[in-house]
Amino acid sequence: MQKRQIQRGRPTGTTTYEAEPAIAFGAAVRDERTNQGIAQETLAHLAGIERSHVGKIERGEHTPTLPLILKIARALKCSSAHLMALTEAKLAEPAPSKTED
């Protein structure tokens, strides 16, 4: 009997991206970053990630992993729980209504 190799990561073709929480988390990171007066590039350097990745997270295009959330929180000198609380608050906000002009 041959031993099965274990592949890291998600199986091919699977996705776990959910837009609403990704957008809320990105907005929470952006709010915290701008409240502290930190540039995206500085945050990226402090967290040890690419600036473009920070931008994608802030726009809600990427859902960060737990280790990345911890790096971002450390770089922002706040707890990951604080970022999650901000995210949950954003998720609880009513969606902006679209008005026609």
PDB file of N, CA and C in Angstrom:
ATOM      1  N   MET A   1       0.848  -1.185   0.000  1.00  0.00           N
ATOM      2  CA  MET A   1       0.000   0.000   0.000  1.00  0.00           C
ATOM      3  C   MET A   1       0.889   1.242   0.000  1.00  0.00           C
ATOM      4  N   GLN A   2       0.555   2.166  -0.891  1.00  0.00           N
ATOM      5  CA  GLN A   2       1.344   3.379  -1.051  1.00  0.00           C
ATOM      6  C   GLN A   2       0.830   4.471  -0.113  1.00  0.00           C
ATOM      7  N   LYS A   3       1.761   5.176   0.498  1.00  0.00           N
ATOM      8  CA  LYS A   3       1.394   6.253   1.409  1.00  0.00           C
ATOM      9  C   LYS A   3       0.924   7.468   0.618  1.00  0.00           C
ATOM     10  N   ARG A   4      -0.243   8.015   1.005  1.00  0.00           N
ATOM     11  CA  ARG A   4      -0.782   9.212   0.342  1.00  0.00           C
ATOM     12  C   ARG A   4      -0.001  10.438   0.761  1.00  0.00           C
ATOM     13  N   GLN A   5       0.312  11.275  -0.209  1.00  0.00           N
ATOM     14  CA  GLN A   5       0.974  12.531   0.105  1.00  0.00           C
ATOM     15  C   GLN A   5      -0.066  13.554   0.523  1.00  0.00           C
ATOM     16  N   ILE A   6       0.279  14.334   1.508  1.00  0.00           N
ATOM     17  CA  ILE A   6      -0.617  15.383   1.979  1.00  0.00           C
ATOM     18  C   ILE A   6      -0.247  16.670   1.269  1.00  0.00           C
ATOM     19  N   GLN A   7      -1.239  17.278   0.620  1.00  0.00           N
ATOM     20  CA  GLN A   7      -1.008  18.553  -0.056  1.00  0.00           C
ATOM     21  C   GLN A   7      -1.387  19.687   0.868  1.00  0.00           C
ATOM     22  N   ARG A   8      -0.564  20.702   0.882  1.00  0.00           N
ATOM     23  CA  ARG A   8      -0.863  21.889   1.674  1.00  0.00           C
ATOM     24  C   ARG A   8      -1.852  22.772   0.920  1.00  0.00           C
ATOM     25  N   GLY A   9      -2.603  23.550   1.676  1.00  0.00           N
ATOM     26  CA  GLY A   9      -3.517  24.508   1.057  1.00  0.00           C
ATOM     27  C   GLY A   9      -4.860  23.891   0.695  1.00  0.00           C
ATOM     28  N   ARG A  10      -5.645  24.666   0.006  1.00  0.00           N
ATOM     29  CA  ARG A  10      -6.983  24.224  -0.396  1.00  0.00           C
ATOM     30  C   ARG A  10      -6.906  23.300  -1.602  1.00  0.00           C
ATOM     31  N   PRO A  11      -7.850  22.369  -1.689  1.00  0.00           N
ATOM     32  CA  PRO A  11      -7.902  21.539  -2.895  1.00  0.00           C
ATOM     33  C   PRO A  11      -8.188  22.403  -4.122  1.00  0.00           C
ATOM     34  N   THR A  12      -7.708  21.985  -5.264  1.00  0.00           N
ATOM     35  CA  THR A  12      -7.896  22.718  -6.502  1.00  0.00           C
ATOM     36  C   THR A  12      -9.380  22.957  -6.752  1.00  0.00           C
ATOM     37  N   GLY A  13      -9.705  24.178  -7.095  1.00  0.00           N
ATOM     38  CA  GLY A  13     -11.084  24.523  -7.446  1.00  0.00           C
ATOM     39  C   GLY A  13     -11.945  24.972  -6.282  1.00  0.00           C
ATOM     40  N   THR A  14     -11.458  24.887  -5.053  1.00  0.00           N
ATOM     41  CA  THR A  14     -12.281  25.314  -3.923  1.00  0.00           C
ATOM     42  C   THR A  14     -11.989  26.768  -3.585  1.00  0.00           C
ATOM     43  N   THR A  15     -12.996  27.421  -3.081  1.00  0.00           N
ATOM     44  CA  THR A  15     -12.821  28.808  -2.656  1.00  0.00           C
ATOM     45  C   THR A  15     -13.485  29.005  -1.309  1.00  0.00           C
ATOM     46  N   THR A  16     -12.971  29.901  -0.540  1.00  0.00           N
ATOM     47  CA  THR A  16     -13.579  30.243   0.741  1.00  0.00           C
ATOM     48  C   THR A  16     -13.801  31.751   0.831  1.00  0.00           C
ATOM     49  N   TYR A  17     -13.742  32.443  -0.287  1.00  0.00           N
ATOM     50  CA  TYR A  17     -13.878  33.889  -0.288  1.00  0.00           C
ATOM     51  C   TYR A  17     -15.336  34.278  -0.085  1.00  0.00           C
ATOM     52  N   GLU A  18     -15.563  35.121   0.887  1.00  0.00           N
ATOM     53  CA  GLU A  18     -16.880  35.712   1.102  1.00  0.00           C
ATOM     54  C   GLU A  18     -16.683  37.219   1.125  1.00  0.00           C
ATOM     55  N   ALA A  19     -17.341  37.896   0.229  1.00  0.00           N
ATOM     56  CA  ALA A  19     -17.094  39.327   0.029  1.00  0.00           C
ATOM     57  C   ALA A  19     -17.431  40.179   1.247  1.00  0.00           C
ATOM     58  N   GLU A  20     -18.582  39.970   1.856  1.00  0.00           N
ATOM     59  CA  GLU A  20     -19.037  40.866   2.922  1.00  0.00           C
ATOM     60  C   GLU A  20     -18.049  40.944   4.101  1.00  0.00           C
ATOM     61  N   PRO A  21     -17.615  39.812   4.678  1.00  0.00           N
ATOM     62  CA  PRO A  21     -16.651  39.929   5.774  1.00  0.00           C
ATOM     63  C   PRO A  21     -15.287  40.454   5.319  1.00  0.00           C
ATOM     64  N   ALA A  22     -14.889  40.122   4.098  1.00  0.00           N
ATOM     65  CA  ALA A  22     -13.600  40.609   3.584  1.00  0.00           C
ATOM     66  C   ALA A  22     -13.629  42.128   3.445  1.00  0.00           C
ATOM     67  N   ILE A  23     -14.726  42.660   2.938  1.00  0.00           N
ATOM     68  CA  ILE A  23     -14.865  44.111   2.778  1.00  0.00           C
ATOM     69  C   ILE A  23     -14.907  44.794   4.145  1.00  0.00           C
ATOM     70  N   ALA A  24     -15.638  44.202   5.104  1.00  0.00           N
ATOM     71  CA  ALA A  24     -15.745  44.784   6.442  1.00  0.00           C
ATOM     72  C   ALA A  24     -14.384  44.780   7.144  1.00  0.00           C
ATOM     73  N   PHE A  25     -13.637  43.674   7.026  1.00  0.00           N
ATOM     74  CA  PHE A  25     -12.314  43.617   7.656  1.00  0.00           C
ATOM     75  C   PHE A  25     -11.388  44.640   7.006  1.00  0.00           C
ATOM     76  N   GLY A  26     -11.412  44.733   5.696  1.00  0.00           N
ATOM     77  CA  GLY A  26     -10.573  45.699   4.996  1.00  0.00           C
ATOM     78  C   GLY A  26     -10.871  47.126   5.412  1.00  0.00           C
ATOM     79  N   ALA A  27     -12.163  47.434   5.570  1.00  0.00           N
ATOM     80  CA  ALA A  27     -12.547  48.777   6.006  1.00  0.00           C
ATOM     81  C   ALA A  27     -12.069  49.034   7.435  1.00  0.00           C
ATOM     82  N   ALA A  28     -12.117  48.010   8.285  1.00  0.00           N
ATOM     83  CA  ALA A  28     -11.653  48.153   9.663  1.00  0.00           C
ATOM     84  C   ALA A  28     -10.148  48.426   9.694  1.00  0.00           C
ATOM     85  N   VAL A  29      -9.392  47.705   8.876  1.00  0.00           N
ATOM     86  CA  VAL A  29      -7.947  47.920   8.809  1.00  0.00           C
ATOM     87  C   VAL A  29      -7.654  49.324   8.298  1.00  0.00           C
ATOM     88  N   ARG A  30      -8.352  49.731   7.228  1.00  0.00           N
ATOM     89  CA  ARG A  30      -8.134  51.067   6.672  1.00  0.00           C
ATOM     90  C   ARG A  30      -8.459  52.151   7.702  1.00  0.00           C
ATOM     91  N   ASP A  31      -9.585  52.008   8.405  1.00  0.00           N
ATOM     92  CA  ASP A  31      -9.960  53.001   9.415  1.00  0.00           C
ATOM     93  C   ASP A  31      -8.911  53.099  10.511  1.00  0.00           C
ATOM     94  N   GLU A  32      -8.462  51.947  11.007  1.00  0.00           N
ATOM     95  CA  GLU A  32      -7.455  51.947  12.076  1.00  0.00           C
ATOM     96  C   GLU A  32      -6.143  52.548  11.575  1.00  0.00           C
ATOM     97  N   ARG A  33      -5.755  52.176  10.364  1.00  0.00           N
ATOM     98  CA  ARG A  33      -4.505  52.686   9.790  1.00  0.00           C
ATOM     99  C   ARG A  33      -4.561  54.203   9.606  1.00  0.00           C
ATOM    100  N   THR A  34      -5.646  54.709   9.034  1.00  0.00           N
ATOM    101  CA  THR A  34      -5.749  56.150   8.788  1.00  0.00           C
ATOM    102  C   THR A  34      -5.921  56.933  10.090  1.00  0.00           C
ATOM    103  N   ASN A  35      -6.611  56.349  11.079  1.00  0.00           N
ATOM    104  CA  ASN A  35      -6.741  57.012  12.382  1.00  0.00           C
ATOM    105  C   ASN A  35      -5.371  57.201  13.035  1.00  0.00           C
ATOM    106  N   GLN A  36      -4.467  56.272  12.774  1.00  0.00           N
ATOM    107  CA  GLN A  36      -3.118  56.353  13.341  1.00  0.00           C
ATOM    108  C   GLN A  36      -2.170  57.153  12.442  1.00  0.00           C
ATOM    109  N   GLY A  37      -2.634  57.548  11.264  1.00  0.00           N
ATOM    110  CA  GLY A  37      -1.800  58.326  10.346  1.00  0.00           C
ATOM    111  C   GLY A  37      -0.683  57.510   9.718  1.00  0.00           C
ATOM    112  N   ILE A  38      -0.934  56.222   9.509  1.00  0.00           N
ATOM    113  CA  ILE A  38       0.074  55.332   8.928  1.00  0.00           C
ATOM    114  C   ILE A  38      -0.231  55.133   7.444  1.00  0.00           C
ATOM    115  N   ALA A  39       0.781  55.226   6.611  1.00  0.00           N
ATOM    116  CA  ALA A  39       0.618  54.991   5.176  1.00  0.00           C
ATOM    117  C   ALA A  39       0.542  53.481   4.918  1.00  0.00           C
ATOM    118  N   GLN A  40      -0.098  53.106   3.810  1.00  0.00           N
ATOM    119  CA  GLN A  40      -0.179  51.696   3.426  1.00  0.00           C
ATOM    120  C   GLN A  40       1.198  51.064   3.339  1.00  0.00           C
ATOM    121  N   GLU A  41       2.121  51.783   2.748  1.00  0.00           N
ATOM    122  CA  GLU A  41       3.472  51.254   2.569  1.00  0.00           C
ATOM    123  C   GLU A  41       4.144  50.999   3.915  1.00  0.00           C
ATOM    124  N   THR A  42       3.932  51.893   4.864  1.00  0.00           N
ATOM    125  CA  THR A  42       4.501  51.727   6.199  1.00  0.00           C
ATOM    126  C   THR A  42       3.881  50.524   6.895  1.00  0.00           C
ATOM    127  N   LEU A  43       2.563  50.396   6.806  1.00  0.00           N
ATOM    128  CA  LEU A  43       1.882  49.241   7.396  1.00  0.00           C
ATOM    129  C   LEU A  43       2.408  47.949   6.794  1.00  0.00           C
ATOM    130  N   ALA A  44       2.553  47.932   5.494  1.00  0.00           N
ATOM    131  CA  ALA A  44       3.059  46.737   4.818  1.00  0.00           C
ATOM    132  C   ALA A  44       4.452  46.384   5.331  1.00  0.00           C
ATOM    133  N   HIS A  45       5.315  47.392   5.459  1.00  0.00           N
ATOM    134  CA  HIS A  45       6.677  47.155   5.949  1.00  0.00           C
ATOM    135  C   HIS A  45       6.650  46.609   7.375  1.00  0.00           C
ATOM    136  N   LEU A  46       5.838  47.223   8.235  1.00  0.00           N
ATOM    137  CA  LEU A  46       5.760  46.792   9.631  1.00  0.00           C
ATOM    138  C   LEU A  46       5.198  45.376   9.762  1.00  0.00           C
ATOM    139  N   ALA A  47       4.261  45.019   8.868  1.00  0.00           N
ATOM    140  CA  ALA A  47       3.642  43.691   8.922  1.00  0.00           C
ATOM    141  C   ALA A  47       4.444  42.643   8.160  1.00  0.00           C
ATOM    142  N   GLY A  48       5.405  43.100   7.354  1.00  0.00           N
ATOM    143  CA  GLY A  48       6.224  42.164   6.590  1.00  0.00           C
ATOM    144  C   GLY A  48       5.514  41.580   5.385  1.00  0.00           C
ATOM    145  N   ILE A  49       4.650  42.387   4.761  1.00  0.00           N
ATOM    146  CA  ILE A  49       3.926  41.942   3.562  1.00  0.00           C
ATOM    147  C   ILE A  49       4.070  42.992   2.468  1.00  0.00           C
ATOM    148  N   GLU A  50       3.635  42.662   1.268  1.00  0.00           N
ATOM    149  CA  GLU A  50       3.705  43.595   0.137  1.00  0.00           C
ATOM    150  C   GLU A  50       2.651  44.696   0.283  1.00  0.00           C
ATOM    151  N   ARG A  51       2.988  45.905  -0.153  1.00  0.00           N
ATOM    152  CA  ARG A  51       2.027  47.009  -0.099  1.00  0.00           C
ATOM    153  C   ARG A  51       0.784  46.706  -0.918  1.00  0.00           C
ATOM    154  N   SER A  52       0.972  46.068  -2.067  1.00  0.00           N
ATOM    155  CA  SER A  52      -0.179  45.748  -2.912  1.00  0.00           C
ATOM    156  C   SER A  52      -1.139  44.787  -2.207  1.00  0.00           C
ATOM    157  N   HIS A  53      -0.581  43.913  -1.365  1.00  0.00           N
ATOM    158  CA  HIS A  53      -1.429  42.986  -0.615  1.00  0.00           C
ATOM    159  C   HIS A  53      -2.256  43.738   0.420  1.00  0.00           C
ATOM    160  N   VAL A  54      -1.656  44.734   1.062  1.00  0.00           N
ATOM    161  CA  VAL A  54      -2.403  45.567   2.014  1.00  0.00           C
ATOM    162  C   VAL A  54      -3.562  46.242   1.291  1.00  0.00           C
ATOM    163  N   GLY A  55      -3.299  46.776   0.101  1.00  0.00           N
ATOM    164  CA  GLY A  55      -4.355  47.426  -0.676  1.00  0.00           C
ATOM    165  C   GLY A  55      -5.483  46.469  -1.015  1.00  0.00           C
ATOM    166  N   LYS A  56      -5.135  45.250  -1.397  1.00  0.00           N
ATOM    167  CA  LYS A  56      -6.162  44.252  -1.737  1.00  0.00           C
ATOM    168  C   LYS A  56      -6.974  43.866  -0.511  1.00  0.00           C
ATOM    169  N   ILE A  57      -6.325  43.776   0.634  1.00  0.00           N
ATOM    170  CA  ILE A  57      -7.055  43.474   1.875  1.00  0.00           C
ATOM    171  C   ILE A  57      -7.994  44.620   2.211  1.00  0.00           C
ATOM    172  N   GLU A  58      -7.499  45.855   2.130  1.00  0.00           N
ATOM    173  CA  GLU A  58      -8.329  47.015   2.465  1.00  0.00           C
ATOM    174  C   GLU A  58      -9.512  47.169   1.516  1.00  0.00           C
ATOM    175  N   ARG A  59      -9.351  46.762   0.272  1.00  0.00           N
ATOM    176  CA  ARG A  59     -10.463  46.835  -0.690  1.00  0.00           C
ATOM    177  C   ARG A  59     -11.391  45.632  -0.591  1.00  0.00           C
ATOM    178  N   GLY A  60     -11.043  44.670   0.249  1.00  0.00           N
ATOM    179  CA  GLY A  60     -11.879  43.486   0.411  1.00  0.00           C
ATOM    180  C   GLY A  60     -11.710  42.476  -0.699  1.00  0.00           C
ATOM    181  N   GLU A  61     -10.610  42.569  -1.439  1.00  0.00           N
ATOM    182  CA  GLU A  61     -10.367  41.636  -2.540  1.00  0.00           C
ATOM    183  C   GLU A  61      -9.716  40.345  -2.062  1.00  0.00           C
ATOM    184  N   HIS A  62      -9.076  40.379  -0.891  1.00  0.00           N
ATOM    185  CA  HIS A  62      -8.437  39.199  -0.307  1.00  0.00           C
ATOM    186  C   HIS A  62      -8.928  39.020   1.120  1.00  0.00           C
ATOM    187  N   THR A  63      -9.134  37.771   1.505  1.00  0.00           N
ATOM    188  CA  THR A  63      -9.442  37.450   2.884  1.00  0.00           C
ATOM    189  C   THR A  63      -8.143  36.976   3.533  1.00  0.00           C
ATOM    190  N   PRO A  64      -7.631  37.714   4.514  1.00  0.00           N
ATOM    191  CA  PRO A  64      -6.355  37.328   5.109  1.00  0.00           C
ATOM    192  C   PRO A  64      -6.484  36.101   6.010  1.00  0.00           C
ATOM    193  N   THR A  65      -5.395  35.385   6.131  1.00  0.00           N
ATOM    194  CA  THR A  65      -5.335  34.236   7.027  1.00  0.00           C
ATOM    195  C   THR A  65      -5.144  34.737   8.461  1.00  0.00           C
ATOM    196  N   LEU A  66      -5.330  33.848   9.417  1.00  0.00           N
ATOM    197  CA  LEU A  66      -5.142  34.224  10.816  1.00  0.00           C
ATOM    198  C   LEU A  66      -3.729  34.750  11.091  1.00  0.00           C
ATOM    199  N   PRO A  67      -2.670  34.075  10.603  1.00  0.00           N
ATOM    200  CA  PRO A  67      -1.339  34.636  10.844  1.00  0.00           C
ATOM    201  C   PRO A  67      -1.176  36.047  10.277  1.00  0.00           C
ATOM    202  N   LEU A  68      -1.788  36.312   9.133  1.00  0.00           N
ATOM    203  CA  LEU A  68      -1.686  37.641   8.532  1.00  0.00           C
ATOM    204  C   LEU A  68      -2.477  38.669   9.345  1.00  0.00           C
ATOM    205  N   ILE A  69      -3.631  38.278   9.866  1.00  0.00           N
ATOM    206  CA  ILE A  69      -4.415  39.176  10.721  1.00  0.00           C
ATOM    207  C   ILE A  69      -3.590  39.549  11.952  1.00  0.00           C
ATOM    208  N   LEU A  70      -2.899  38.565  12.522  1.00  0.00           N
ATOM    209  CA  LEU A  70      -2.068  38.829  13.695  1.00  0.00           C
ATOM    210  C   LEU A  70      -0.910  39.765  13.362  1.00  0.00           C
ATOM    211  N   LYS A  71      -0.305  39.599  12.191  1.00  0.00           N
ATOM    212  CA  LYS A  71       0.780  40.491  11.765  1.00  0.00           C
ATOM    213  C   LYS A  71       0.276  41.919  11.582  1.00  0.00           C
ATOM    214  N   ILE A  72      -0.887  42.058  10.958  1.00  0.00           N
ATOM    215  CA  ILE A  72      -1.461  43.386  10.727  1.00  0.00           C
ATOM    216  C   ILE A  72      -1.792  44.057  12.059  1.00  0.00           C
ATOM    217  N   ALA A  73      -2.390  43.302  12.983  1.00  0.00           N
ATOM    218  CA  ALA A  73      -2.733  43.851  14.297  1.00  0.00           C
ATOM    219  C   ALA A  73      -1.476  44.299  15.031  1.00  0.00           C
ATOM    220  N   ARG A  74      -0.439  43.478  14.988  1.00  0.00           N
ATOM    221  CA  ARG A  74       0.823  43.829  15.651  1.00  0.00           C
ATOM    222  C   ARG A  74       1.402  45.103  15.033  1.00  0.00           C
ATOM    223  N   ALA A  75       1.345  45.193  13.712  1.00  0.00           N
ATOM    224  CA  ALA A  75       1.875  46.373  13.026  1.00  0.00           C
ATOM    225  C   ALA A  75       1.081  47.632  13.389  1.00  0.00           C
ATOM    226  N   LEU A  76      -0.218  47.469  13.631  1.00  0.00           N
ATOM    227  CA  LEU A  76      -1.065  48.599  14.009  1.00  0.00           C
ATOM    228  C   LEU A  76      -1.055  48.854  15.519  1.00  0.00           C
ATOM    229  N   LYS A  77      -0.286  48.036  16.250  1.00  0.00           N
ATOM    230  CA  LYS A  77      -0.189  48.156  17.715  1.00  0.00           C
ATOM    231  C   LYS A  77      -1.562  48.073  18.372  1.00  0.00           C
ATOM    232  N   CYS A  78      -2.349  47.122  17.891  1.00  0.00           N
ATOM    233  CA  CYS A  78      -3.642  46.848  18.494  1.00  0.00           C
ATOM    234  C   CYS A  78      -3.821  45.332  18.531  1.00  0.00           C
ATOM    235  N   SER A  79      -4.862  44.878  19.170  1.00  0.00           N
ATOM    236  CA  SER A  79      -5.094  43.437  19.230  1.00  0.00           C
ATOM    237  C   SER A  79      -5.908  42.986  18.023  1.00  0.00           C
ATOM    238  N   SER A  80      -5.778  41.716  17.717  1.00  0.00           N
ATOM    239  CA  SER A  80      -6.595  41.167  16.642  1.00  0.00           C
ATOM    240  C   SER A  80      -8.070  41.208  17.055  1.00  0.00           C
ATOM    241  N   ALA A  81      -8.322  41.104  18.356  1.00  0.00           N
ATOM    242  CA  ALA A  81      -9.695  41.193  18.859  1.00  0.00           C
ATOM    243  C   ALA A  81     -10.290  42.566  18.551  1.00  0.00           C
ATOM    244  N   HIS A  82      -9.470  43.613  18.655  1.00  0.00           N
ATOM    245  CA  HIS A  82      -9.926  44.967  18.328  1.00  0.00           C
ATOM    246  C   HIS A  82     -10.311  45.061  16.851  1.00  0.00           C
ATOM    247  N   LEU A  83      -9.467  44.502  15.975  1.00  0.00           N
ATOM    248  CA  LEU A  83      -9.789  44.517  14.542  1.00  0.00           C
ATOM    249  C   LEU A  83     -11.062  43.712  14.263  1.00  0.00           C
ATOM    250  N   MET A  84     -11.231  42.590  14.965  1.00  0.00           N
ATOM    251  CA  MET A  84     -12.437  41.777  14.771  1.00  0.00           C
ATOM    252  C   MET A  84     -13.677  42.516  15.272  1.00  0.00           C
ATOM    253  N   ALA A  85     -13.549  43.233  16.393  1.00  0.00           N
ATOM    254  CA  ALA A  85     -14.681  44.010  16.911  1.00  0.00           C
ATOM    255  C   ALA A  85     -15.083  45.100  15.913  1.00  0.00           C
ATOM    256  N   LEU A  86     -14.081  45.767  15.332  1.00  0.00           N
ATOM    257  CA  LEU A  86     -14.377  46.780  14.306  1.00  0.00           C
ATOM    258  C   LEU A  86     -15.052  46.138  13.094  1.00  0.00           C
ATOM    259  N   THR A  87     -14.574  44.958  12.721  1.00  0.00           N
ATOM    260  CA  THR A  87     -15.154  44.238  11.581  1.00  0.00           C
ATOM    261  C   THR A  87     -16.600  43.871  11.871  1.00  0.00           C
ATOM    262  N   GLU A  88     -16.851  43.339  13.056  1.00  0.00           N
ATOM    263  CA  GLU A  88     -18.219  42.956  13.426  1.00  0.00           C
ATOM    264  C   GLU A  88     -19.145  44.162  13.455  1.00  0.00           C
ATOM    265  N   ALA A  89     -18.638  45.295  13.926  1.00  0.00           N
ATOM    266  CA  ALA A  89     -19.446  46.518  13.941  1.00  0.00           C
ATOM    267  C   ALA A  89     -19.805  46.941  12.520  1.00  0.00           C
ATOM    268  N   LYS A  90     -18.849  46.817  11.615  1.00  0.00           N
ATOM    269  CA  LYS A  90     -19.120  47.178  10.218  1.00  0.00           C
ATOM    270  C   LYS A  90     -20.124  46.219   9.594  1.00  0.00           C
ATOM    271  N   LEU A  91     -20.050  44.937   9.945  1.00  0.00           N
ATOM    272  CA  LEU A  91     -21.000  43.963   9.425  1.00  0.00           C
ATOM    273  C   LEU A  91     -22.411  44.227   9.944  1.00  0.00           C
ATOM    274  N   ALA A  92     -22.516  44.796  11.147  1.00  0.00           N
ATOM    275  CA  ALA A  92     -23.818  45.071  11.748  1.00  0.00           C
ATOM    276  C   ALA A  92     -24.462  46.349  11.211  1.00  0.00           C
ATOM    277  N   GLU A  93     -23.647  47.215  10.586  1.00  0.00           N
ATOM    278  CA  GLU A  93     -24.182  48.459  10.027  1.00  0.00           C
ATOM    279  C   GLU A  93     -25.133  48.137   8.887  1.00  0.00           C
ATOM    280  N   PRO A  94     -26.225  48.873   8.783  1.00  0.00           N
ATOM    281  CA  PRO A  94     -27.123  48.652   7.638  1.00  0.00           C
ATOM    282  C   PRO A  94     -26.419  49.031   6.334  1.00  0.00           C
ATOM    283  N   ALA A  95     -26.705  48.281   5.303  1.00  0.00           N
ATOM    284  CA  ALA A  95     -26.109  48.566   3.992  1.00  0.00           C
ATOM    285  C   ALA A  95     -26.597  49.924   3.507  1.00  0.00           C
ATOM    286  N   PRO A  96     -25.707  50.718   2.889  1.00  0.00           N
ATOM    287  CA  PRO A  96     -26.144  52.019   2.381  1.00  0.00           C
ATOM    288  C   PRO A  96     -27.191  51.825   1.282  1.00  0.00           C
ATOM    289  N   SER A  97     -28.249  52.631   1.382  1.00  0.00           N
ATOM    290  CA  SER A  97     -29.301  52.510   0.364  1.00  0.00           C
ATOM    291  C   SER A  97     -28.884  53.241  -0.885  1.00  0.00           C
ATOM    292  N   LYS A  98     -29.290  52.682  -2.001  1.00  0.00           N
ATOM    293  CA  LYS A  98     -28.972  53.303  -3.286  1.00  0.00           C
ATOM    294  C   LYS A  98     -30.178  54.161  -3.691  1.00  0.00           C
ATOM    295  N   THR A  99     -29.930  55.453  -3.817  1.00  0.00           N
ATOM    296  CA  THR A  99     -30.990  56.355  -4.211  1.00  0.00           C
ATOM    297  C   THR A  99     -30.795  56.741  -5.662  1.00  0.00           C
ATOM    298  N   GLU A 100     -31.893  56.907  -6.342  1.00  0.00           N
ATOM    299  CA  GLU A 100     -31.823  57.326  -7.734  1.00  0.00           C
ATOM    300  C   GLU A 100     -31.981  58.822  -7.815  1.00  0.00           C
ATOM    301  N   ASP A 101     -31.211  59.444  -8.643  1.00  0.00           N
ATOM    302  CA  ASP A 101     -31.285  60.900  -8.818  1.00  0.00           C
ATOM    303  C   ASP A 101     -32.230  61.254  -9.919  1.00  0.00           C
TER     304      ASP A 101
END
